[in-house]
N, C-alpha and C. Protein backbone atom coordinates (compact mmCIF):
# COMPACT_ATOMS: atom_id res chain seq x y z
N UNK A 1 24.79 -15.02 -28.69
CA UNK A 1 24.56 -14.80 -27.29
C UNK A 1 23.81 -14.06 -26.61
N UNK A 2 22.85 -13.92 -26.84
CA UNK A 2 21.71 -12.99 -26.18
C UNK A 2 20.80 -14.68 -26.33
N UNK A 3 20.38 -15.27 -26.62
CA UNK A 3 20.26 -16.05 -27.15
C UNK A 3 20.31 -17.03 -25.49
N UNK A 4 21.58 -17.66 -25.12
CA UNK A 4 22.49 -18.29 -23.96
C UNK A 4 21.87 -17.56 -23.29
N UNK A 5 22.28 -16.12 -22.89
CA UNK A 5 22.03 -15.42 -21.79
C UNK A 5 20.51 -15.41 -21.17
N UNK A 6 19.28 -15.08 -22.07
CA UNK A 6 17.83 -15.42 -21.90
C UNK A 6 18.05 -16.84 -21.66
N UNK A 7 18.27 -17.97 -21.58
CA UNK A 7 17.90 -19.51 -21.69
C UNK A 7 18.79 -19.44 -20.57
N UNK A 8 19.99 -19.04 -20.33
CA UNK A 8 20.31 -19.06 -18.40
C UNK A 8 19.37 -18.38 -17.63
N UNK A 9 18.76 -16.97 -17.73
CA UNK A 9 18.06 -16.31 -17.25
C UNK A 9 17.09 -16.99 -16.93
N UNK A 10 16.09 -17.77 -17.71
CA UNK A 10 14.96 -17.91 -17.72
C UNK A 10 15.42 -19.80 -17.57
N UNK A 11 15.87 -20.07 -17.52
CA UNK A 11 16.35 -21.45 -16.24
C UNK A 11 17.00 -20.89 -14.83
N UNK A 12 17.30 -20.13 -14.82
CA UNK A 12 17.09 -19.67 -13.20
C UNK A 12 16.21 -19.32 -12.88
N UNK A 13 15.51 -18.48 -13.55
CA UNK A 13 14.32 -18.37 -12.93
C UNK A 13 13.86 -19.11 -12.80
N UNK A 14 13.39 -19.90 -13.56
CA UNK A 14 12.11 -21.70 -13.62
C UNK A 14 12.83 -21.56 -11.50
N UNK A 15 14.13 -22.54 -12.07
CA UNK A 15 14.74 -22.97 -10.70
C UNK A 15 14.72 -22.21 -9.35
N UNK A 16 13.89 -21.24 -9.78
CA UNK A 16 14.28 -20.13 -8.23
C UNK A 16 12.44 -20.57 -7.89
N UNK A 17 11.48 -20.33 -9.21
CA UNK A 17 10.29 -20.53 -8.53
C UNK A 17 10.01 -22.21 -8.25
N UNK A 18 11.02 -22.93 -8.23
CA UNK A 18 10.93 -24.34 -8.10
C UNK A 18 10.87 -24.29 -6.28
N UNK A 19 12.28 -24.11 -6.29
CA UNK A 19 12.73 -24.63 -4.87
C UNK A 19 12.02 -23.19 -4.09
N UNK A 20 11.14 -22.15 -4.56
CA UNK A 20 10.21 -21.69 -3.58
C UNK A 20 8.82 -22.44 -3.52
N UNK A 21 8.19 -22.83 -4.14
CA UNK A 21 7.56 -24.04 -4.39
C UNK A 21 7.89 -25.04 -2.95
N UNK A 22 8.90 -25.52 -3.31
CA UNK A 22 9.02 -27.19 -2.73
C UNK A 22 9.60 -26.26 -1.04
N UNK A 23 10.02 -25.27 -0.44
CA UNK A 23 9.99 -25.11 0.46
C UNK A 23 8.63 -24.12 0.87
N UNK A 24 7.92 -23.78 0.32
CA UNK A 24 5.73 -23.74 0.32
C UNK A 24 5.92 -25.21 1.06
N UNK A 25 5.58 -25.60 0.31
CA UNK A 25 5.73 -27.01 0.45
C UNK A 25 6.17 -27.98 1.52
N UNK A 26 7.57 -27.81 2.12
CA UNK A 26 7.88 -28.56 3.52
C UNK A 26 7.78 -27.98 4.58
N UNK A 27 7.15 -26.13 4.57
CA UNK A 27 7.17 -25.91 5.51
C UNK A 27 5.17 -25.70 5.86
N UNK A 28 4.70 -26.36 5.06
CA UNK A 28 3.47 -26.50 5.31
C UNK A 28 2.99 -28.47 5.69
N UNK A 29 3.84 -28.94 5.29
CA UNK A 29 3.85 -30.44 5.23
C UNK A 29 4.37 -30.50 7.14
N UNK A 30 5.37 -29.31 7.23
CA UNK A 30 5.74 -29.54 8.51
C UNK A 30 5.16 -29.23 10.07
N UNK A 31 4.21 -28.32 8.82
CA UNK A 31 3.36 -27.27 10.01
C UNK A 31 2.02 -28.20 10.10
N UNK A 32 1.74 -29.22 9.79
CA UNK A 32 1.13 -29.84 9.88
C UNK A 32 0.70 -31.69 10.36
N UNK A 33 2.20 -31.73 10.57
CA UNK A 33 2.52 -32.42 11.33
C UNK A 33 3.14 -33.44 10.40
N UNK A 34 3.19 -33.75 9.23
CA UNK A 34 3.67 -34.82 7.75
C UNK A 34 4.81 -34.85 7.76
N UNK A 35 5.99 -33.90 8.33
CA UNK A 35 7.46 -33.63 8.41
C UNK A 35 7.64 -33.48 10.03
N UNK A 36 8.07 -35.23 10.61
CA UNK A 36 7.66 -34.95 12.57
C UNK A 36 9.18 -34.30 13.05
N UNK A 37 9.11 -33.37 13.92
CA UNK A 37 9.85 -33.03 14.42
C UNK A 37 11.37 -34.61 15.22
N UNK A 38 12.16 -33.99 14.47
CA UNK A 38 13.57 -35.35 14.59
C UNK A 38 13.95 -36.49 13.76
N UNK A 39 12.55 -36.59 12.12
CA UNK A 39 12.34 -36.96 11.62
C UNK A 39 13.36 -36.83 10.55
N UNK A 40 13.97 -38.19 9.58
CA UNK A 40 14.44 -37.85 8.75
C UNK A 40 13.65 -37.66 7.33
N UNK A 41 14.39 -36.26 6.31
CA UNK A 41 13.92 -36.26 5.30
C UNK A 41 14.21 -36.67 3.93
N UNK A 42 13.84 -37.32 3.98
CA UNK A 42 14.08 -38.78 2.35
C UNK A 42 13.39 -37.43 0.90
N UNK A 43 14.92 -37.37 0.73
CA UNK A 43 15.23 -36.41 -0.41
C UNK A 43 14.08 -37.50 -1.57
N UNK A 44 14.86 -38.63 -1.92
CA UNK A 44 14.42 -39.20 -2.86
C UNK A 44 12.84 -39.30 -2.84
N UNK A 45 12.16 -39.97 -1.47
CA UNK A 45 11.06 -39.87 -1.62
C UNK A 45 10.12 -38.59 -2.21
N UNK A 46 10.86 -37.62 -1.11
CA UNK A 46 9.85 -36.32 -1.70
C UNK A 46 10.21 -36.05 -3.43
N UNK A 47 10.89 -36.17 -3.84
CA UNK A 47 11.69 -35.60 -5.14
C UNK A 47 10.26 -36.88 -5.82
N UNK A 48 9.85 -37.72 -5.59
CA UNK A 48 8.88 -38.81 -6.02
C UNK A 48 7.41 -37.92 -6.28
N UNK A 49 7.88 -37.75 -4.48
CA UNK A 49 5.81 -37.82 -4.16
C UNK A 49 5.83 -36.02 -4.79
N UNK A 50 6.21 -35.51 -4.70
CA UNK A 50 5.50 -34.02 -5.84
C UNK A 50 5.71 -33.68 -7.23
N UNK A 51 6.93 -34.92 -7.48
CA UNK A 51 6.89 -35.07 -8.69
C UNK A 51 8.13 -33.71 -9.59
N UNK A 52 9.07 -33.22 -8.49
CA UNK A 52 10.37 -32.01 -8.61
C UNK A 52 11.53 -32.82 -8.77
N UNK A 53 12.62 -32.34 -9.27
CA UNK A 53 13.48 -33.06 -9.43
C UNK A 53 14.62 -33.22 -8.01
N UNK A 54 15.62 -33.93 -8.08
CA UNK A 54 16.11 -33.56 -6.34
C UNK A 54 16.84 -32.24 -6.00
N UNK A 55 17.41 -31.09 -7.65
CA UNK A 55 17.90 -30.08 -7.12
C UNK A 55 17.11 -29.03 -6.66
N UNK A 56 16.45 -29.01 -6.99
CA UNK A 56 15.57 -27.42 -6.39
C UNK A 56 14.96 -27.90 -5.18
N UNK A 57 15.10 -29.19 -4.83
CA UNK A 57 14.11 -30.21 -3.61
C UNK A 57 16.03 -29.61 -2.47
N UNK A 58 17.10 -30.10 -2.85
CA UNK A 58 18.58 -30.24 -2.01
C UNK A 58 17.93 -28.41 -1.75
N UNK A 59 17.47 -27.36 -2.81
CA UNK A 59 18.30 -26.07 -2.68
C UNK A 59 16.94 -25.57 -1.14
N UNK A 60 15.96 -26.03 -1.16
CA UNK A 60 15.04 -25.49 -0.66
C UNK A 60 15.19 -26.04 0.68
N UNK A 61 15.69 -26.96 0.86
CA UNK A 61 16.15 -27.50 1.93
C UNK A 61 17.27 -26.81 2.85
N UNK A 62 18.30 -26.31 2.00
CA UNK A 62 19.44 -25.76 2.09
C UNK A 62 19.46 -24.59 3.34
N UNK A 63 18.10 -23.93 2.41
CA UNK A 63 17.55 -22.41 2.71
C UNK A 63 16.69 -23.13 4.10
N UNK A 64 16.09 -24.23 4.62
CA UNK A 64 15.30 -23.93 5.53
C UNK A 64 16.58 -24.50 6.55
N UNK A 65 17.03 -25.52 6.20
CA UNK A 65 18.40 -25.67 7.24
C UNK A 65 19.21 -24.02 7.62
N UNK A 66 19.29 -22.99 6.32
CA UNK A 66 19.95 -21.54 6.90
C UNK A 66 19.06 -21.22 8.44
N UNK A 67 18.03 -21.40 7.82
CA UNK A 67 16.88 -20.57 8.83
C UNK A 67 16.67 -21.04 9.86
N UNK A 68 17.42 -22.01 9.60
CA UNK A 68 17.35 -23.75 11.45
C UNK A 68 16.79 -24.21 11.36
N UNK A 69 15.82 -24.18 10.71
CA UNK A 69 13.94 -25.48 10.51
C UNK A 69 14.31 -26.48 10.59
N UNK A 70 15.14 -26.28 9.65
CA UNK A 70 15.76 -27.80 9.43
C UNK A 70 17.35 -28.38 9.74
N UNK A 71 18.22 -29.12 10.45
CA UNK A 71 19.48 -29.69 10.10
C UNK A 71 19.82 -30.10 9.01
N UNK A 72 21.15 -30.38 8.82
CA UNK A 72 21.51 -32.09 7.99
C UNK A 72 23.23 -32.25 9.25
N UNK A 73 22.15 -33.52 8.79
CA UNK A 73 23.03 -34.46 10.16
C UNK A 73 23.79 -35.26 8.99
N UNK A 74 25.67 -35.40 9.35
CA UNK A 74 25.72 -36.50 8.59
C UNK A 74 25.66 -38.22 8.90
N UNK A 75 25.45 -38.85 7.18
CA UNK A 75 25.06 -40.09 6.96
C UNK A 75 24.22 -39.96 7.51
N UNK A 76 23.31 -38.83 7.56
CA UNK A 76 21.50 -39.35 7.41
C UNK A 76 20.62 -38.57 7.05
N UNK A 77 21.12 -37.51 7.15
CA UNK A 77 19.93 -36.11 6.23
C UNK A 77 19.75 -35.10 7.27
N UNK A 78 18.32 -34.75 5.92
CA UNK A 78 18.13 -33.93 7.29
C UNK A 78 16.59 -33.72 7.92
N UNK A 79 16.71 -33.40 9.34
CA UNK A 79 15.74 -33.57 10.15
C UNK A 79 14.89 -32.33 10.66
N UNK A 80 13.70 -32.42 11.46
CA UNK A 80 13.52 -31.10 11.06
C UNK A 80 13.67 -30.91 13.15
N UNK A 81 14.21 -29.78 13.47
CA UNK A 81 15.11 -29.42 14.64
C UNK A 81 13.58 -29.42 15.74
N UNK A 82 13.99 -29.33 16.93
CA UNK A 82 12.91 -28.66 17.92
C UNK A 82 13.97 -27.22 18.71
N UNK A 83 12.67 -26.83 19.09
CA UNK A 83 12.45 -25.33 19.56
C UNK A 83 13.33 -25.58 20.94
N UNK A 84 14.17 -24.97 21.34
CA UNK A 84 14.77 -24.54 22.92
C UNK A 84 14.33 -23.36 22.95
N UNK A 85 14.26 -23.33 24.59
CA UNK A 85 13.43 -22.32 25.54
C UNK A 85 15.30 -21.48 24.97
N UNK A 86 16.37 -21.61 25.05
CA UNK A 86 16.81 -21.00 24.80
C UNK A 86 17.37 -19.85 23.34
N UNK A 87 16.51 -20.84 22.04
CA UNK A 87 16.45 -21.00 21.27
C UNK A 87 15.34 -19.47 20.22
N UNK A 88 13.91 -19.77 21.40
CA UNK A 88 12.76 -19.27 21.48
C UNK A 88 13.11 -17.86 21.83
N UNK A 89 14.39 -17.51 23.16
CA UNK A 89 14.23 -16.21 23.65
C UNK A 89 15.65 -15.68 22.21
N UNK A 90 15.78 -16.35 22.03
CA UNK A 90 17.39 -15.32 21.53
C UNK A 90 16.24 -14.80 20.11
N UNK A 91 15.30 -15.84 19.39
CA UNK A 91 14.74 -15.99 17.98
C UNK A 91 13.75 -14.78 18.15
N UNK A 92 13.29 -15.00 19.07
CA UNK A 92 11.61 -13.30 19.55
C UNK A 92 12.75 -12.09 19.75
N UNK A 93 13.53 -12.20 20.96
CA UNK A 93 14.04 -10.76 21.43
C UNK A 93 14.86 -10.03 19.47
N UNK A 94 15.54 -11.17 18.77
CA UNK A 94 15.56 -10.10 17.32
C UNK A 94 14.99 -9.58 16.23
N UNK A 95 13.75 -10.73 16.28
CA UNK A 95 12.45 -10.46 15.59
C UNK A 95 12.31 -8.86 16.08
N UNK A 96 11.67 -9.06 16.85
CA UNK A 96 11.32 -8.21 18.10
C UNK A 96 12.08 -6.39 17.66
N UNK A 97 13.33 -7.08 17.60
CA UNK A 97 14.60 -5.51 17.86
C UNK A 97 15.07 -5.61 16.44
N UNK A 98 14.45 -6.21 15.72
CA UNK A 98 14.88 -5.68 13.29
C UNK A 98 13.17 -5.41 13.52
N UNK A 99 12.41 -6.44 13.89
CA UNK A 99 11.06 -5.42 12.66
C UNK A 99 10.53 -4.38 13.68
N UNK A 100 10.88 -4.02 14.71
CA UNK A 100 10.47 -2.71 15.42
C UNK A 100 11.93 -1.64 14.40
N UNK A 101 13.23 -1.42 14.47
CA UNK A 101 13.51 -1.07 13.46
C UNK A 101 13.43 -0.36 12.37
N UNK A 102 12.47 -1.34 11.49
CA UNK A 102 12.45 -1.54 10.77
C UNK A 102 11.24 -0.58 10.85
N UNK A 103 10.02 -1.15 11.32
CA UNK A 103 9.35 0.19 11.33
C UNK A 103 9.17 1.56 11.88
N UNK A 104 9.70 1.89 12.70
CA UNK A 104 11.29 3.61 12.84
C UNK A 104 11.56 3.76 11.81
N UNK A 105 12.21 3.32 10.68
CA UNK A 105 12.40 3.77 9.47
C UNK A 105 11.46 3.68 7.78
N UNK A 106 9.71 3.21 8.90
CA UNK A 106 9.23 3.39 6.94
C UNK A 106 8.10 5.04 7.68
N UNK A 107 7.56 5.12 6.58
CA UNK A 107 6.67 5.78 6.98
C UNK A 107 5.29 5.63 6.21
N UNK A 108 4.05 6.18 6.89
CA UNK A 108 2.59 5.89 6.27
C UNK A 108 2.13 6.52 5.75
N UNK A 109 1.34 6.41 4.80
CA UNK A 109 0.27 7.33 4.40
C UNK A 109 -0.76 6.75 4.13
N UNK A 110 -2.20 7.63 3.94
CA UNK A 110 -3.08 6.98 4.19
C UNK A 110 -3.67 5.78 3.29
N UNK A 111 -3.42 6.11 2.71
CA UNK A 111 -3.27 4.44 1.67
C UNK A 111 -2.74 3.17 2.86
N UNK A 112 -1.78 3.48 3.00
CA UNK A 112 -0.60 1.63 3.33
C UNK A 112 -1.42 1.97 4.37
N UNK A 113 -1.69 2.68 5.30
CA UNK A 113 -2.59 2.43 7.07
C UNK A 113 -4.31 0.78 6.60
N UNK A 114 -4.73 1.47 5.31
CA UNK A 114 -6.10 0.18 5.44
C UNK A 114 -6.00 -0.98 4.45
N UNK A 115 -4.57 -1.42 3.74
CA UNK A 115 -4.72 -2.67 4.38
C UNK A 115 -4.23 -3.27 5.59
N UNK A 116 -3.70 -2.15 6.05
CA UNK A 116 -3.16 -3.58 7.70
C UNK A 116 -4.80 -3.68 8.44
N UNK A 117 -5.09 -2.70 8.08
CA UNK A 117 -6.52 -2.63 8.50
C UNK A 117 -7.83 -3.89 8.37
N UNK A 118 -7.68 -4.38 6.34
CA UNK A 118 -7.69 -5.16 6.40
C UNK A 118 -7.73 -6.57 6.78
N UNK A 119 -6.32 -6.31 7.16
CA UNK A 119 -5.04 -7.73 7.42
C UNK A 119 -5.43 -7.37 8.58
N UNK A 120 -6.26 -7.67 9.81
CA UNK A 120 -6.54 -7.80 10.76
C UNK A 120 -7.97 -7.73 11.16
N UNK A 121 -8.74 -7.12 9.83
CA UNK A 121 -9.51 -7.52 10.19
C UNK A 121 -9.83 -9.66 9.83
N UNK A 122 -9.10 -9.81 8.78
CA UNK A 122 -8.83 -11.46 8.52
C UNK A 122 -8.14 -11.52 9.44
N UNK A 123 -7.49 -11.56 10.12
CA UNK A 123 -6.94 -12.60 11.31
C UNK A 123 -7.86 -12.98 12.27
N UNK A 124 -9.15 -11.88 12.62
CA UNK A 124 -10.75 -11.85 12.80
C UNK A 124 -11.21 -13.35 12.76
N UNK A 125 -11.06 -13.41 11.03
CA UNK A 125 -12.09 -13.75 9.79
C UNK A 125 -11.42 -15.28 10.13
N UNK A 126 -10.68 -15.65 10.43
CA UNK A 126 -9.30 -16.54 9.86
C UNK A 126 -10.13 -18.06 10.84
N UNK A 127 -10.63 -19.06 9.60
CA UNK A 127 -11.55 -20.18 10.57
C UNK A 127 -10.41 -21.20 10.69
N UNK A 128 -9.04 -21.53 11.43
CA UNK A 128 -7.99 -22.07 12.00
C UNK A 128 -7.41 -21.87 12.18
N UNK A 129 -6.82 -22.24 13.25
CA UNK A 129 -5.58 -21.80 14.14
C UNK A 129 -4.65 -21.97 12.38
N UNK A 130 -4.00 -22.39 11.27
CA UNK A 130 -3.26 -21.54 10.26
C UNK A 130 -3.84 -21.17 9.82
N UNK A 131 -4.54 -20.68 9.34
CA UNK A 131 -4.76 -19.73 8.49
C UNK A 131 -4.83 -18.27 9.29
N UNK A 132 -5.57 -18.49 10.78
CA UNK A 132 -5.55 -17.39 12.15
C UNK A 132 -3.29 -17.11 12.12
N UNK A 133 -2.75 -17.37 12.11
CA UNK A 133 -0.95 -17.38 12.36
C UNK A 133 -0.75 -16.86 11.14
N UNK A 134 -0.66 -17.30 9.53
CA UNK A 134 -0.44 -16.85 8.41
C UNK A 134 -0.69 -14.96 8.63
N UNK A 135 -2.02 -15.06 8.65
CA UNK A 135 -3.04 -13.83 8.34
C UNK A 135 -1.95 -12.85 9.62
N UNK A 136 -1.63 -13.24 10.69
CA UNK A 136 -1.29 -12.67 11.52
C UNK A 136 0.29 -12.19 11.27
N UNK A 137 1.18 -13.44 10.34
CA UNK A 137 2.23 -13.05 10.60
C UNK A 137 1.89 -11.99 8.64
N UNK A 138 1.27 -12.52 7.99
CA UNK A 138 1.05 -11.26 7.25
C UNK A 138 0.34 -9.26 7.65
N UNK A 139 0.03 -9.51 8.64
CA UNK A 139 0.06 -8.40 9.13
C UNK A 139 1.49 -7.85 8.84
N UNK A 140 2.63 -8.71 10.10
CA UNK A 140 3.99 -7.83 10.47
C UNK A 140 4.42 -7.68 9.05
N UNK A 141 4.51 -8.78 7.84
CA UNK A 141 4.83 -7.72 6.84
C UNK A 141 4.54 -7.05 5.77
N UNK A 142 3.35 -6.88 6.32
CA UNK A 142 2.47 -5.43 5.26
C UNK A 142 3.34 -3.94 6.57
N UNK A 143 3.25 -4.48 7.74
CA UNK A 143 3.81 -3.22 8.68
C UNK A 143 4.70 -3.13 8.04
N UNK A 144 5.94 -3.68 7.91
CA UNK A 144 7.70 -3.11 7.57
C UNK A 144 7.32 -3.40 5.95
N UNK A 145 6.06 -3.28 5.00
CA UNK A 145 6.27 -3.14 3.31
C UNK A 145 7.22 -2.27 2.94
N UNK A 146 7.01 -1.06 3.88
CA UNK A 146 6.86 0.36 3.25
C UNK A 146 9.03 0.40 3.92
N UNK A 147 9.66 -0.55 4.23
CA UNK A 147 10.87 0.00 4.89
C UNK A 147 11.86 -0.28 4.20
N UNK A 148 13.01 0.67 3.61
CA UNK A 148 14.25 0.40 2.67
C UNK A 148 14.46 -0.37 2.33
N UNK A 149 15.69 -0.78 3.61
CA UNK A 149 16.39 -2.04 3.51
C UNK A 149 15.81 -3.61 3.52
N UNK A 150 16.55 -3.67 2.28
CA UNK A 150 15.94 -5.03 2.06
C UNK A 150 16.61 -6.21 2.62
N UNK A 151 17.81 -5.62 2.67
CA UNK A 151 18.75 -6.58 3.97
C UNK A 151 18.02 -7.52 5.31
N UNK A 152 17.55 -5.51 5.92
CA UNK A 152 16.93 -6.41 7.34
C UNK A 152 15.58 -6.94 6.83
N UNK A 153 14.92 -6.91 5.43
CA UNK A 153 13.46 -7.51 5.78
C UNK A 153 13.87 -8.91 4.93
N UNK A 154 15.20 -9.24 4.53
CA UNK A 154 14.97 -10.60 4.03
C UNK A 154 15.47 -11.44 5.44
N UNK A 155 16.06 -10.56 6.20
CA UNK A 155 16.51 -11.31 7.54
C UNK A 155 15.59 -12.12 8.42
N UNK A 156 14.33 -10.78 8.51
CA UNK A 156 13.08 -11.17 8.83
C UNK A 156 12.39 -12.14 7.97
N UNK A 157 12.78 -11.67 6.64
CA UNK A 157 11.50 -12.83 6.33
C UNK A 157 12.52 -14.75 7.01
N UNK A 158 12.89 -14.79 6.73
CA UNK A 158 14.14 -16.43 7.64
C UNK A 158 13.88 -15.99 9.22
N UNK A 159 13.81 -15.14 9.44
CA UNK A 159 13.61 -15.38 11.41
C UNK A 159 12.11 -15.73 11.29
N UNK A 160 11.27 -15.31 10.48
CA UNK A 160 10.09 -15.05 10.54
C UNK A 160 9.29 -16.54 10.46
N UNK A 161 10.08 -16.98 9.07
CA UNK A 161 9.83 -18.64 8.80
C UNK A 161 9.59 -19.59 10.60
N UNK A 162 11.03 -19.62 11.12
CA UNK A 162 11.23 -20.27 11.72
C UNK A 162 10.16 -20.27 13.13
N UNK A 163 9.50 -18.52 12.67
CA UNK A 163 8.60 -18.58 14.29
C UNK A 163 7.46 -18.66 14.02
N UNK A 164 7.16 -18.96 12.58
CA UNK A 164 5.54 -19.65 11.87
C UNK A 164 4.79 -21.00 12.47
N UNK A 165 6.52 -21.48 11.93
CA UNK A 165 6.79 -23.35 11.85
C UNK A 165 5.81 -23.59 14.08
N UNK A 166 6.51 -22.83 14.11
CA UNK A 166 6.96 -22.55 15.83
C UNK A 166 5.76 -22.67 16.19
N UNK A 167 4.84 -21.41 16.41
CA UNK A 167 3.97 -20.95 17.07
C UNK A 167 2.79 -22.29 16.51
N UNK A 168 2.73 -22.65 15.01
CA UNK A 168 1.53 -23.22 15.01
C UNK A 168 1.94 -24.59 16.02
N UNK A 169 3.35 -24.88 16.78
CA UNK A 169 2.74 -25.80 16.99
C UNK A 169 2.32 -25.58 18.61
N UNK A 170 2.54 -24.73 18.75
CA UNK A 170 2.07 -24.04 20.11
C UNK A 170 0.81 -23.51 20.39
N UNK A 171 0.40 -22.10 19.35
CA UNK A 171 -0.15 -20.99 20.11
C UNK A 171 -1.38 -21.85 19.67
N UNK A 172 -2.49 -22.06 20.46
CA UNK A 172 -3.77 -22.39 20.43
C UNK A 172 -5.02 -21.93 21.11
N UNK A 173 -4.10 -21.27 21.81
CA UNK A 173 -5.39 -20.49 23.21
C UNK A 173 -5.92 -19.45 22.50
N UNK A 174 -7.06 -19.35 23.02
CA UNK A 174 -8.20 -18.32 22.10
C UNK A 174 -7.86 -16.87 22.96
N UNK A 175 -7.82 -17.01 23.97
CA UNK A 175 -7.13 -15.68 24.99
C UNK A 175 -5.60 -15.00 24.31
N UNK A 176 -5.00 -16.00 24.69
CA UNK A 176 -3.68 -15.16 23.84
C UNK A 176 -3.76 -14.53 22.39
N UNK A 177 -4.86 -15.08 21.54
CA UNK A 177 -4.77 -14.65 20.20
C UNK A 177 -5.52 -13.38 20.43
N UNK A 178 -6.61 -13.22 21.15
CA UNK A 178 -6.89 -12.19 21.62
C UNK A 178 -6.35 -10.48 22.14
N UNK A 179 -5.69 -11.35 22.21
CA UNK A 179 -4.16 -10.55 23.98
C UNK A 179 -3.83 -9.76 22.16
N UNK A 180 -3.36 -10.64 21.15
CA UNK A 180 -2.02 -9.94 20.11
C UNK A 180 -2.68 -9.71 19.61
N UNK A 181 -4.16 -9.68 19.16
CA UNK A 181 -5.09 -8.32 18.30
C UNK A 181 -5.28 -7.60 18.48
N UNK A 182 -5.64 -7.39 20.56
CA UNK A 182 -5.29 -6.12 20.77
C UNK A 182 -4.60 -5.03 20.77
N UNK A 183 -3.16 -5.89 20.07
CA UNK A 183 -1.60 -5.19 20.67
C UNK A 183 -1.89 -4.58 19.16
N UNK A 184 -2.01 -5.35 18.20
CA UNK A 184 -1.95 -5.20 16.57
C UNK A 184 -2.92 -3.86 16.63
N UNK A 185 -3.89 -3.43 16.72
CA UNK A 185 -4.71 -2.64 16.49
C UNK A 185 -4.33 -1.28 17.67
N UNK A 186 -3.65 -1.33 18.47
CA UNK A 186 -3.37 -0.49 19.00
C UNK A 186 -2.09 -0.04 18.48
N UNK A 187 -1.15 -0.98 17.52
CA UNK A 187 -0.24 -0.74 16.67
C UNK A 187 -1.04 0.69 15.42
N UNK A 188 -2.14 -0.44 14.85
CA UNK A 188 -1.99 0.97 13.62
C UNK A 188 -2.92 1.93 14.05
N UNK A 189 -3.28 1.82 15.49
CA UNK A 189 -3.93 3.01 15.86
C UNK A 189 -2.93 4.38 15.76
N UNK A 190 -1.95 4.25 16.65
CA UNK A 190 -0.38 4.65 17.00
C UNK A 190 -0.09 5.40 15.36
N UNK A 191 -0.14 4.64 14.70
CA UNK A 191 0.65 4.70 12.99
C UNK A 191 -0.56 6.07 12.67
N UNK A 192 -2.01 5.89 12.52
CA UNK A 192 -2.90 6.68 12.07
C UNK A 192 -2.62 8.07 13.08
N UNK A 193 -2.26 8.28 14.10
CA UNK A 193 -1.85 8.77 14.93
C UNK A 193 -0.72 9.77 14.47
N UNK A 194 0.30 9.45 13.73
CA UNK A 194 1.26 9.45 13.70
C UNK A 194 2.83 9.36 14.46
N UNK A 195 2.19 8.34 15.45
CA UNK A 195 3.09 7.90 16.64
C UNK A 195 4.00 6.65 16.38
N UNK A 196 4.82 6.82 15.44
CA UNK A 196 5.78 5.56 15.47
C UNK A 196 6.56 4.96 16.25
N UNK A 197 6.97 5.96 17.18
CA UNK A 197 7.69 5.53 19.24
C UNK A 197 6.94 4.71 19.63
N UNK A 198 5.28 4.93 19.78
CA UNK A 198 4.77 4.94 20.13
C UNK A 198 3.42 3.10 19.71
N UNK A 199 3.96 2.72 18.35
CA UNK A 199 3.77 1.82 17.70
C UNK A 199 5.24 0.92 17.38
N UNK A 200 5.97 1.11 17.78
CA UNK A 200 7.61 0.39 18.08
C UNK A 200 7.46 -0.48 19.16
N UNK A 201 7.13 0.85 20.25
CA UNK A 201 7.20 0.34 21.93
C UNK A 201 6.16 -1.51 21.86
N UNK A 202 4.52 -0.86 21.18
CA UNK A 202 3.78 -1.33 21.37
C UNK A 202 4.31 -2.76 20.37
N UNK A 203 4.34 -3.42 18.94
CA UNK A 203 5.10 -3.66 18.73
C UNK A 203 6.11 -5.02 19.17
N UNK A 204 7.36 -4.18 20.13
CA UNK A 204 7.94 -4.49 20.61
C UNK A 204 7.84 -5.70 21.98
N UNK A 205 6.81 -5.07 22.75
CA UNK A 205 5.98 -5.59 23.87
C UNK A 205 5.10 -6.78 23.34
N UNK A 206 4.77 -6.83 22.09
CA UNK A 206 4.12 -8.01 21.45
C UNK A 206 4.55 -8.95 21.05
N UNK A 207 5.53 -8.73 20.59
CA UNK A 207 6.15 -9.67 20.66
C UNK A 207 6.92 -10.27 21.49
N UNK A 208 7.55 -9.59 22.45
CA UNK A 208 7.27 -10.02 23.69
C UNK A 208 6.89 -11.59 24.67
N UNK A 209 5.24 -10.92 24.39
CA UNK A 209 4.22 -11.36 24.61
C UNK A 209 4.14 -13.03 23.96
N UNK A 210 4.43 -13.00 22.96
CA UNK A 210 4.59 -14.65 22.29
C UNK A 210 5.25 -14.76 22.97
N UNK A 211 6.76 -14.36 23.29
CA UNK A 211 7.71 -15.38 23.98
C UNK A 211 7.14 -16.26 24.80
N UNK A 212 7.05 -14.96 25.60
CA UNK A 212 6.62 -15.61 27.39
C UNK A 212 5.97 -16.57 26.87
N UNK A 213 4.37 -16.31 26.48
CA UNK A 213 3.54 -17.17 25.77
C UNK A 213 4.19 -18.55 25.31
N UNK A 214 5.03 -18.83 24.43
CA UNK A 214 6.07 -19.95 24.00
C UNK A 214 6.62 -20.42 24.46
N UNK A 215 7.56 -19.57 25.62
CA UNK A 215 9.17 -20.82 26.93
C UNK A 215 7.68 -21.31 27.19
N UNK A 216 6.38 -21.45 27.77
CA UNK A 216 6.02 -21.26 28.72
C UNK A 216 5.51 -23.20 28.31
N UNK A 217 4.50 -22.86 27.28
CA UNK A 217 4.38 -23.28 26.25
C UNK A 217 5.75 -24.90 25.66
N UNK A 218 6.94 -24.47 25.97
CA UNK A 218 8.38 -25.26 26.04
C UNK A 218 8.10 -26.10 27.34
N UNK A 219 8.06 -25.31 28.36
CA UNK A 219 7.68 -25.85 29.50
C UNK A 219 7.71 -27.33 29.59
N UNK A 220 5.97 -26.72 28.88
CA UNK A 220 5.13 -27.34 29.62
C UNK A 220 5.37 -28.79 28.98
N UNK A 221 5.81 -28.81 28.11
CA UNK A 221 5.85 -30.51 26.65
C UNK A 221 7.01 -31.36 27.35
N UNK A 222 8.07 -30.02 27.73
CA UNK A 222 10.08 -30.79 28.68
C UNK A 222 9.27 -32.34 29.06
């Protein structure tokens, strides 16, 4: 009986690992334009190309659908969705509120601050738009890493997966990134000063700055 339980456990873990690998692969393919907005995702072809069975691929697609990065269309399959201005407003305002809440419920030691500084340096040193974007989102993950509300963090992770995808398609302005960097540095400084209310205020302003930029970019492509 114990062996059966262990076998089931390791099988489930293996499926989860495969699902996460497929999810990361799909996000990357979307980000680099290999999977275009509005184009149907061919499940069978995807399975052949990456050498993984259909089951973890379907599970990964379901997770991406839950995050609303893709959409299931009857008799057609999964397609990559386009971000609307209304969705952008809802997404960024929600992430701003939730991440601010997570930050306000966190505590920081000197050991916690050093990774934030290091990560912000990585943002500066990133060589490509995608690397810089991923480094910035990693900074935000570290910012709320000490929040004990795991449900809140999971919701944030799902929502920010969408933002990461859409920002890669829009945010390529050097001046825009420089402003975000200054805000992140101000957040770190406020945390060092043990002033979480100020850090939270700057964090909320940060996401609103991104929203304003993305909304303008959406307008320019309509």
